[in-house]
Protein backbone atom coordinates (compact mmCIF):
# COMPACT_ATOMS: atom_id res chain seq x y z
CA MET A 1 -107.32 0.31 -49.49
CA THR A 2 -104.30 2.42 -48.98
CA VAL A 3 -102.82 -0.04 -46.52
CA ARG A 4 -103.30 -2.95 -48.88
CA ARG A 5 -101.61 -1.15 -51.68
CA LEU A 6 -98.59 -0.34 -49.55
CA LEU A 7 -98.28 -3.89 -48.42
CA SER A 8 -98.63 -5.13 -51.88
CA GLY A 9 -95.94 -2.73 -53.08
CA GLU A 10 -93.50 -3.70 -50.23
CA LEU A 11 -94.15 -7.38 -51.01
CA ARG A 12 -93.23 -6.88 -54.66
CA LEU A 13 -90.17 -4.89 -53.67
CA GLY A 14 -89.04 -7.58 -51.35
CA LEU A 15 -89.44 -10.14 -54.02
CA VAL A 16 -87.35 -8.11 -56.42
CA VAL A 17 -84.57 -7.61 -53.89
CA PHE A 18 -84.60 -11.32 -53.06
CA GLY A 19 -84.47 -12.17 -56.71
CA LEU A 20 -81.43 -9.98 -57.18
CA ALA A 21 -79.69 -11.58 -54.31
CA ALA A 22 -80.33 -15.03 -55.70
CA VAL A 23 -78.91 -14.01 -59.01
CA LEU A 24 -75.84 -12.47 -57.36
CA VAL A 25 -75.16 -15.67 -55.38
CA PHE A 26 -75.40 -17.77 -58.52
CA VAL A 27 -72.96 -15.62 -60.42
CA LEU A 28 -70.42 -15.70 -57.54
CA ALA A 29 -70.78 -19.47 -57.27
CA GLY A 30 -70.21 -19.80 -61.01
CA CYS A 31 -67.00 -17.82 -60.81
CA SER A 32 -65.64 -19.94 -58.00
CA ASP A 33 -66.40 -23.19 -59.95
CA SER A 34 -64.30 -22.02 -62.95
CA THR A 35 -61.03 -21.96 -60.93
CA PRO A 36 -58.84 -25.23 -61.54
CA ASP A 37 -58.55 -27.40 -58.51
CA ALA A 38 -55.53 -29.59 -57.75
CA LYS A 39 -57.77 -32.54 -56.86
CA SER A 40 -59.74 -32.30 -60.10
CA GLY A 41 -56.60 -32.48 -62.23
CA GLY A 42 -56.26 -28.80 -63.09
CA THR A 43 -52.87 -27.48 -64.24
CA PRO A 44 -51.17 -25.32 -61.61
CA SER A 45 -49.36 -22.14 -62.63
CA ALA A 46 -45.76 -22.68 -63.60
CA SER A 47 -44.65 -19.36 -62.30
CA GLY A 48 -44.49 -20.55 -58.64
CA GLY A 49 -42.63 -23.87 -59.14
CA PRO A 50 -38.89 -24.58 -59.36
CA THR A 51 -37.12 -24.50 -62.77
CA SER A 52 -34.34 -26.72 -64.05
CA ALA A 53 -31.52 -25.98 -66.50
CA PRO A 54 -28.69 -28.16 -67.97
CA ILE A 55 -25.51 -28.15 -65.91
CA PRO A 56 -22.64 -26.87 -68.09
CA THR A 57 -19.65 -29.22 -68.42
CA ALA A 58 -16.04 -28.07 -68.57
CA SER A 59 -14.43 -28.46 -72.02
CA THR A 60 -11.31 -30.61 -72.35
CA PRO A 61 -8.33 -28.21 -72.72
CA SER A 62 -6.14 -28.63 -75.74
CA LEU A 63 -2.39 -29.14 -75.21
CA PRO A 64 0.51 -27.56 -77.11
CA PRO A 65 2.12 -29.89 -79.72
CA LEU A 66 5.71 -31.06 -79.52
CA PRO A 67 7.88 -29.76 -82.38
CA THR A 68 8.43 -32.27 -85.15
CA PRO A 69 12.18 -32.90 -85.63
CA SER A 70 13.32 -31.34 -88.85
CA LYS A 71 16.69 -33.12 -89.09
CA PRO A 72 17.65 -36.79 -88.84
CA TRP A 73 18.93 -38.06 -85.57
CA PRO A 74 22.57 -37.09 -85.49
CA THR A 75 25.28 -39.75 -85.78
CA PRO A 76 27.46 -39.59 -82.71
CA LYS A 77 31.16 -38.83 -83.17
CA VAL A 78 33.08 -41.78 -81.74
CA THR A 79 36.69 -41.08 -80.66
CA GLY A 80 39.62 -43.34 -79.85
CA GLN A 81 40.17 -44.96 -83.21
CA PRO A 82 43.53 -46.87 -83.21
CA ALA A 83 46.17 -46.32 -85.83
CA ALA A 84 46.02 -48.31 -89.10
CA ASP A 85 49.05 -50.43 -88.03
CA ALA A 86 47.64 -51.21 -84.51
CA PRO A 87 47.13 -54.90 -83.65
CA LEU A 88 44.15 -56.52 -85.35
CA ALA A 89 42.46 -57.22 -82.03
CA LYS A 90 42.39 -53.49 -81.07
CA ARG A 91 41.06 -52.49 -84.47
CA ILE A 92 38.23 -55.06 -84.30
CA GLN A 93 37.34 -54.11 -80.75
CA PHE A 94 37.10 -50.47 -81.72
CA ALA A 95 34.92 -51.28 -84.71
CA ILE A 96 32.46 -53.16 -82.50
CA SER A 97 32.51 -50.35 -79.94
CA LYS A 98 31.88 -47.71 -82.63
CA GLN A 99 28.92 -49.63 -84.05
CA ALA A 100 27.37 -49.98 -80.58
CA GLN A 101 27.59 -46.25 -79.99
CA ILE A 102 26.13 -45.37 -83.41
CA ALA A 103 23.24 -47.78 -82.85
CA ALA A 104 22.58 -46.37 -79.38
CA GLY A 105 22.47 -42.85 -80.75
CA LYS A 106 25.00 -41.26 -78.38
CA ALA A 107 28.72 -41.50 -77.78
CA ALA A 108 29.51 -43.07 -74.40
CA THR A 109 32.17 -45.17 -72.75
CA THR A 110 32.12 -48.59 -74.38
CA THR A 111 34.33 -51.65 -73.83
CA VAL A 112 34.51 -54.87 -75.79
CA SER A 113 35.84 -58.00 -74.11
CA CYS A 114 36.48 -61.07 -76.27
CA PRO A 115 38.66 -63.72 -74.60
CA GLY A 116 41.13 -65.17 -77.14
CA ILE A 117 41.06 -62.17 -79.53
CA ALA A 118 44.76 -61.67 -79.04
CA ASP A 119 45.36 -64.68 -81.26
CA ALA A 120 43.07 -63.29 -84.01
CA GLU A 121 46.02 -62.61 -86.34
CA LYS A 122 46.96 -66.27 -86.54
CA PRO A 123 45.67 -67.76 -89.85
CA GLY A 124 42.43 -69.63 -89.50
CA THR A 125 38.84 -69.15 -88.22
CA HIS A 126 38.35 -67.85 -84.72
CA ASN A 127 34.94 -68.11 -83.06
CA LEU A 128 34.83 -65.97 -79.95
CA THR A 129 32.19 -64.98 -77.36
CA CYS A 130 32.28 -61.30 -76.49
CA THR A 131 30.72 -58.98 -73.95
CA VAL A 132 30.00 -55.41 -74.98
CA THR A 133 29.44 -52.84 -72.18
CA TYR A 134 27.91 -49.57 -73.32
CA ALA A 135 27.40 -46.79 -70.66
CA GLY A 136 27.43 -49.44 -67.97
CA LYS A 137 24.92 -51.77 -69.71
CA ALA A 138 26.35 -55.06 -70.88
CA TYR A 139 25.14 -57.53 -73.48
CA PRO A 140 26.69 -60.63 -75.19
CA GLY A 141 27.65 -61.26 -78.78
CA THR A 142 29.54 -63.63 -81.08
CA LEU A 143 32.67 -62.70 -83.02
CA THR A 144 33.92 -64.70 -86.01
CA ILE A 145 37.32 -63.83 -87.43
CA ASP A 146 38.73 -65.39 -90.69
CA ALA A 147 42.46 -64.57 -90.68
CA GLU A 148 44.95 -65.07 -93.45
CA GLN A 149 48.62 -64.19 -93.57
CA TYR A 150 48.17 -60.56 -94.55
CA SER A 151 44.44 -59.94 -94.18
CA ALA A 152 41.44 -60.76 -92.03
CA THR A 153 37.68 -60.39 -92.04
CA TYR A 154 35.34 -60.43 -89.05
CA LYS A 155 31.65 -60.57 -88.30
CA PHE A 156 30.08 -59.60 -85.02
CA THR A 157 26.47 -60.65 -84.21
CA SER A 158 24.18 -60.13 -81.24
CA ASP A 159 20.45 -60.30 -80.59
CA SER A 160 20.73 -57.25 -78.37
CA VAL A 161 21.40 -53.57 -79.09
CA PRO A 162 21.83 -50.52 -76.88
CA ILE A 163 19.56 -47.48 -77.27
CA VAL A 164 19.14 -44.14 -75.53
CA ARG A 165 15.68 -42.92 -74.53
CA ALA A 166 16.10 -39.59 -76.31
CA LYS A 167 16.48 -41.39 -79.66
CA VAL A 168 13.35 -43.39 -79.09
CA VAL A 169 11.33 -40.35 -78.13
CA ASP A 170 12.56 -38.52 -81.20
CA ALA A 171 11.38 -41.40 -83.41
CA VAL A 172 7.93 -41.32 -81.82
CA GLN A 173 7.66 -37.57 -82.33
CA ARG A 174 8.43 -38.06 -86.04
CA THR A 175 5.64 -40.68 -86.31
CA VAL A 176 2.87 -38.96 -84.26
CA THR A 177 2.25 -35.48 -85.65
CA ASN A 178 -0.24 -34.36 -82.91
CA ALA A 179 1.89 -35.52 -79.91
CA SER A 180 2.04 -33.22 -76.90
CA LYS A 181 3.92 -35.57 -74.55
CA VAL A 182 5.82 -38.83 -75.07
CA THR A 183 6.52 -41.24 -72.27
CA CYS A 184 8.51 -44.43 -72.94
CA THR A 185 8.94 -47.33 -70.47
CA MET A 186 12.71 -47.54 -70.35
CA ASP A 187 15.81 -46.16 -68.62
CA ASP A 188 17.91 -43.37 -70.07
CA VAL A 189 20.04 -46.18 -71.61
CA GLU A 190 18.46 -49.53 -72.38
CA VAL A 191 19.75 -52.75 -73.87
CA VAL A 192 16.89 -54.40 -75.84
CA LYS A 193 16.60 -57.49 -78.00
CA HIS A 194 15.79 -56.50 -81.58
CA THR A 195 13.88 -59.77 -81.92
CA ALA A 196 11.52 -58.82 -79.08
CA GLN A 197 8.34 -56.71 -79.22
CA GLY A 198 10.15 -53.44 -78.54
CA ILE A 199 9.62 -50.57 -76.16
CA SER A 200 6.22 -49.36 -74.98
CA CYS A 201 5.45 -45.68 -75.28
CA ASP A 202 2.41 -43.60 -74.40
CA VAL A 203 1.61 -40.52 -76.42
CA THR A 204 -0.63 -37.76 -75.00
CA THR A 205 -2.08 -35.95 -77.98
CA THR A 206 -2.97 -32.36 -78.36
CA ASP A 207 -6.62 -33.36 -77.71
CA ASN A 208 -5.51 -34.58 -74.25
CA ALA A 209 -6.04 -38.25 -75.19
CA VAL A 210 -3.46 -41.00 -74.34
CA GLN A 211 -2.58 -43.45 -77.14
CA PRO A 212 -0.27 -46.47 -76.87
CA TYR A 213 2.70 -47.01 -79.34
CA ARG A 214 5.55 -49.45 -79.61
CA ALA A 215 9.10 -48.73 -80.76
CA GLN A 216 10.87 -51.69 -82.39
CA ILE A 217 14.71 -51.39 -82.44
CA SER A 218 16.65 -53.09 -85.25
CA GLY A 219 20.15 -54.54 -84.95
CA ASN A 220 21.77 -51.38 -86.21
CA GLY A 221 19.72 -49.05 -84.04
CA GLN A 222 16.91 -48.00 -86.37
CA VAL A 223 13.63 -47.31 -84.57
CA LEU A 224 10.38 -48.32 -86.15
CA VAL A 225 7.25 -46.93 -84.40
CA THR A 226 3.85 -48.44 -84.75
CA LYS A 227 0.50 -48.02 -82.88
CA ALA A 228 0.03 -50.67 -80.29
């Protein structure tokens, strides 16, 4: 009887221990099934992956503005005016030379050649072809003289006019208030046709942008600047 009771007690104890082991295995298995799996579509932790950030871009530097001219372009002082009683031909040649230098915007060596002008004092109408050379740049023109016994009138016409680059740049600066740099496609001295499209200029603004402009030169040297 005693032996049977012991065996019965050991059997029940073994069943209890086995039952606890089964419960423990079930709980552990349940914990492992709750972990996300890459194959089953689970979301991996973001802490271990690479991160991305926007790449900073350099800002465009602003440029200093050019000073806006406060005074009109100065009228050049032309020297060499002949006396009032000098021959008519010399007085007319000087007048043409003076007008060319004023139109150009700077005093410079200027010559006027008009074959036949020596006879300009003879009464009548004289139509002459002239060549004006300003600072080494030559251009043609037509001279008409109406002479009487004690007086004479003349008219000089040309479709060309001399101009210096500094005067053109000055006109562009007056037109474009936010200019930082002005570059005009021309020599220091240029002879242009006032009937043509004019001189091309590029303006670099204070925002570091390049804008095209055009400078139209009139027959008397006035500069009109418009955006191209």
